[in-house]
């Protein structure tokens, strides 16, 4: 999809969808059918975002694409490592996962704001 649609625009819509889906997930944690469907949708959106990020690397860092791609991959690995730990800590502290799920939406909102500010309408606006 990132080859056909501008990656920054696609990532914007992915973040918006991720925010909406995370909020819905937080509301329906106790309903097994809805929960299962939304978790699959959340996984698809996160995977789509992963591909979009790798497509953005040459636009953001044209001189050292290989090194930046490796760094992005390493950060992605950490992104898969820490959320389950944080969710477990939140579950132990509060007795539920809702705060952790809403935290995913908050992080997506922060990323959306930074994307919009820096790469879509900011000084480092990427046109391609």
C-alpha atoms as a PDB file:
ATOM      1  CA  UNK A   1       0.000   0.000   0.000  1.00  0.00           C
ATOM      2  CA  UNK A   2       2.874   2.376   0.772  1.00  0.00           C
ATOM      3  CA  UNK A   3       4.091   2.041  -2.799  1.00  0.00           C
ATOM      4  CA  UNK A   4       0.778   3.359  -4.137  1.00  0.00           C
ATOM      5  CA  UNK A   5      -0.181   5.868  -1.418  1.00  0.00           C
ATOM      6  CA  UNK A   6       2.103   8.486   0.175  1.00  0.00           C
ATOM      7  CA  UNK A   7       3.524   6.750   3.268  1.00  0.00           C
ATOM      8  CA  UNK A   8       3.088   9.733   5.585  1.00  0.00           C
ATOM      9  CA  UNK A   9      -0.582  10.081   4.668  1.00  0.00           C
ATOM     10  CA  UNK A  10      -1.119   6.353   5.004  1.00  0.00           C
ATOM     11  CA  UNK A  11       0.574   6.357   8.406  1.00  0.00           C
ATOM     12  CA  UNK A  12      -1.685   9.212   9.523  1.00  0.00           C
ATOM     13  CA  UNK A  13      -4.774   7.157   8.703  1.00  0.00           C
ATOM     14  CA  UNK A  14      -3.229   4.093  10.308  1.00  0.00           C
ATOM     15  CA  UNK A  15      -2.665   6.006  13.556  1.00  0.00           C
ATOM     16  CA  UNK A  16      -6.243   7.332  13.494  1.00  0.00           C
ATOM     17  CA  UNK A  17      -7.596   3.815  12.976  1.00  0.00           C
ATOM     18  CA  UNK A  18      -5.287   2.478  15.690  1.00  0.00           C
ATOM     19  CA  UNK A  19      -6.572   5.088  18.156  1.00  0.00           C
ATOM     20  CA  UNK A  20     -10.203   4.268  17.406  1.00  0.00           C
ATOM     21  CA  UNK A  21      -9.641   0.500  17.563  1.00  0.00           C
ATOM     22  CA  UNK A  22      -7.674   0.742  20.847  1.00  0.00           C
ATOM     23  CA  UNK A  23     -10.466   2.767  22.448  1.00  0.00           C
ATOM     24  CA  UNK A  24     -13.071   0.270  21.249  1.00  0.00           C
ATOM     25  CA  UNK A  25     -10.900  -2.568  22.560  1.00  0.00           C
ATOM     26  CA  UNK A  26     -10.750  -0.885  25.971  1.00  0.00           C
ATOM     27  CA  UNK A  27     -14.539  -0.704  26.028  1.00  0.00           C
ATOM     28  CA  UNK A  28     -15.121  -4.339  25.037  1.00  0.00           C
ATOM     29  CA  UNK A  29     -12.440  -6.235  26.979  1.00  0.00           C
ATOM     30  CA  UNK A  30     -15.054  -8.451  28.646  1.00  0.00           C
ATOM     31  CA  UNK A  31     -16.905  -9.469  25.455  1.00  0.00           C
ATOM     32  CA  UNK A  32     -15.000 -12.403  23.972  1.00  0.00           C
ATOM     33  CA  UNK A  33     -16.263 -12.256  20.365  1.00  0.00           C
ATOM     34  CA  UNK A  34     -15.803  -8.521  19.956  1.00  0.00           C
ATOM     35  CA  UNK A  35     -12.487  -8.675  21.828  1.00  0.00           C
ATOM     36  CA  UNK A  36     -11.118 -11.368  19.500  1.00  0.00           C
ATOM     37  CA  UNK A  37     -12.173  -9.506  16.375  1.00  0.00           C
ATOM     38  CA  UNK A  38     -10.727  -6.213  17.567  1.00  0.00           C
ATOM     39  CA  UNK A  39      -7.428  -7.783  18.631  1.00  0.00           C
ATOM     40  CA  UNK A  40      -7.016  -9.236  15.117  1.00  0.00           C
ATOM     41  CA  UNK A  41      -7.849  -5.830  13.609  1.00  0.00           C
ATOM     42  CA  UNK A  42      -5.371  -4.170  15.975  1.00  0.00           C
ATOM     43  CA  UNK A  43      -2.689  -6.637  14.865  1.00  0.00           C
ATOM     44  CA  UNK A  44      -3.399  -5.876  11.209  1.00  0.00           C
ATOM     45  CA  UNK A  45      -3.150  -2.122  11.829  1.00  0.00           C
ATOM     46  CA  UNK A  46       0.122  -2.465  13.730  1.00  0.00           C
ATOM     47  CA  UNK A  47       1.555  -4.677  10.971  1.00  0.00           C
ATOM     48  CA  UNK A  48       0.459  -2.151   8.358  1.00  0.00           C
ATOM     49  CA  UNK A  49       2.157   0.610  10.358  1.00  0.00           C
ATOM     50  CA  UNK A  50       5.332  -1.469  10.505  1.00  0.00           C
ATOM     51  CA  UNK A  51       5.472  -1.718   6.721  1.00  0.00           C
ATOM     52  CA  UNK A  52       4.740   1.979   6.326  1.00  0.00           C
ATOM     53  CA  UNK A  53       7.575   2.919   8.692  1.00  0.00           C
ATOM     54  CA  UNK A  54      10.081   0.874   6.686  1.00  0.00           C
ATOM     55  CA  UNK A  55       8.841   2.585   3.513  1.00  0.00           C
ATOM     56  CA  UNK A  56       9.428   6.000   5.137  1.00  0.00           C
ATOM     57  CA  UNK A  57      13.087   5.319   6.014  1.00  0.00           C
ATOM     58  CA  UNK A  58      14.552   6.407   2.636  1.00  0.00           C
ATOM     59  CA  UNK A  59      12.492   9.622   2.738  1.00  0.00           C
ATOM     60  CA  UNK A  60      13.573  10.517   6.259  1.00  0.00           C
ATOM     61  CA  UNK A  61      17.218   9.406   6.061  1.00  0.00           C
ATOM     62  CA  UNK A  62      18.460   9.121   2.495  1.00  0.00           C
ATOM     63  CA  UNK A  63      22.191   8.997   3.272  1.00  0.00           C
ATOM     64  CA  UNK A  64      22.292   6.039   5.636  1.00  0.00           C
ATOM     65  CA  UNK A  65      19.218   3.966   4.876  1.00  0.00           C
ATOM     66  CA  UNK A  66      20.792   0.669   5.942  1.00  0.00           C
ATOM     67  CA  UNK A  67      21.778   1.833   9.408  1.00  0.00           C
ATOM     68  CA  UNK A  68      18.438   3.518  10.010  1.00  0.00           C
ATOM     69  CA  UNK A  69      16.558   0.428   8.818  1.00  0.00           C
ATOM     70  CA  UNK A  70      18.502  -1.662  11.334  1.00  0.00           C
ATOM     71  CA  UNK A  71      17.749   0.810  14.101  1.00  0.00           C
ATOM     72  CA  UNK A  72      14.048   0.869  13.184  1.00  0.00           C
ATOM     73  CA  UNK A  73      13.975  -2.932  13.266  1.00  0.00           C
ATOM     74  CA  UNK A  74      15.612  -2.974  16.703  1.00  0.00           C
ATOM     75  CA  UNK A  75      13.121  -0.431  18.038  1.00  0.00           C
ATOM     76  CA  UNK A  76      10.308  -2.537  16.590  1.00  0.00           C
ATOM     77  CA  UNK A  77      11.639  -5.515  18.511  1.00  0.00           C
ATOM     78  CA  UNK A  78      11.556  -3.489  21.720  1.00  0.00           C
ATOM     79  CA  UNK A  79       8.051  -2.372  20.803  1.00  0.00           C
ATOM     80  CA  UNK A  80       6.996  -6.002  20.843  1.00  0.00           C
ATOM     81  CA  UNK A  81       8.824  -6.717  24.096  1.00  0.00           C
ATOM     82  CA  UNK A  82       7.750  -3.964  26.491  1.00  0.00           C
ATOM     83  CA  UNK A  83       3.954  -3.610  25.988  1.00  0.00           C
ATOM     84  CA  UNK A  84       3.137  -7.075  27.393  1.00  0.00           C
ATOM     85  CA  UNK A  85       5.305  -6.354  30.436  1.00  0.00           C
ATOM     86  CA  UNK A  86       3.645  -2.969  30.951  1.00  0.00           C
ATOM     87  CA  UNK A  87       0.189  -4.516  30.520  1.00  0.00           C
ATOM     88  CA  UNK A  88       1.093  -7.151  33.128  1.00  0.00           C
ATOM     89  CA  UNK A  89       2.217  -4.482  35.596  1.00  0.00           C
ATOM     90  CA  UNK A  90      -0.988  -2.516  35.001  1.00  0.00           C
ATOM     91  CA  UNK A  91      -3.073  -5.682  35.468  1.00  0.00           C
ATOM     92  CA  UNK A  92      -1.331  -6.418  38.791  1.00  0.00           C
ATOM     93  CA  UNK A  93      -1.720  -2.830  39.974  1.00  0.00           C
ATOM     94  CA  UNK A  94      -5.298  -2.135  38.908  1.00  0.00           C
ATOM     95  CA  UNK A  95      -6.867  -5.545  38.363  1.00  0.00           C
ATOM     96  CA  UNK A  96      -7.650  -4.805  34.704  1.00  0.00           C
ATOM     97  CA  UNK A  97      -6.113  -4.049  31.338  1.00  0.00           C
ATOM     98  CA  UNK A  98      -8.190  -0.982  30.395  1.00  0.00           C
ATOM     99  CA  UNK A  99      -5.582   1.603  31.397  1.00  0.00           C
ATOM    100  CA  UNK A 100      -2.913  -0.227  29.374  1.00  0.00           C
ATOM    101  CA  UNK A 101      -5.136  -0.423  26.307  1.00  0.00           C
ATOM    102  CA  UNK A 102      -5.946   3.276  26.582  1.00  0.00           C
ATOM    103  CA  UNK A 103      -2.219   3.939  26.975  1.00  0.00           C
ATOM    104  CA  UNK A 104      -1.748   2.412  23.504  1.00  0.00           C
ATOM    105  CA  UNK A 105      -4.257   4.957  22.182  1.00  0.00           C
ATOM    106  CA  UNK A 106      -2.425   7.801  23.968  1.00  0.00           C
ATOM    107  CA  UNK A 107       0.918   6.767  22.464  1.00  0.00           C
ATOM    108  CA  UNK A 108      -0.732   6.606  19.012  1.00  0.00           C
ATOM    109  CA  UNK A 109      -2.144  10.115  19.538  1.00  0.00           C
ATOM    110  CA  UNK A 110       1.323  11.421  20.447  1.00  0.00           C
ATOM    111  CA  UNK A 111       2.812   9.746  17.359  1.00  0.00           C
ATOM    112  CA  UNK A 112       0.044  11.165  15.171  1.00  0.00           C
ATOM    113  CA  UNK A 113       0.652  14.694  16.448  1.00  0.00           C
ATOM    114  CA  UNK A 114       4.414  14.390  15.908  1.00  0.00           C
ATOM    115  CA  UNK A 115       3.927  12.927  12.416  1.00  0.00           C
ATOM    116  CA  UNK A 116       1.576  15.752  11.471  1.00  0.00           C
ATOM    117  CA  UNK A 117       3.807  18.429  12.995  1.00  0.00           C
ATOM    118  CA  UNK A 118       7.141  17.211  11.614  1.00  0.00           C
ATOM    119  CA  UNK A 119       6.574  15.314   8.368  1.00  0.00           C
ATOM    120  CA  UNK A 120       3.199  16.310   6.968  1.00  0.00           C
ATOM    121  CA  UNK A 121       2.942  20.049   7.608  1.00  0.00           C
ATOM    122  CA  UNK A 122       6.148  20.960   9.435  1.00  0.00           C
ATOM    123  CA  UNK A 123       9.620  22.108   8.497  1.00  0.00           C
ATOM    124  CA  UNK A 124      10.654  18.601   7.424  1.00  0.00           C
ATOM    125  CA  UNK A 125       7.624  18.205   5.175  1.00  0.00           C
ATOM    126  CA  UNK A 126       8.062  15.232   2.881  1.00  0.00           C
ATOM    127  CA  UNK A 127       6.267  15.727  -0.418  1.00  0.00           C
ATOM    128  CA  UNK A 128       6.757  12.359  -2.121  1.00  0.00           C
END
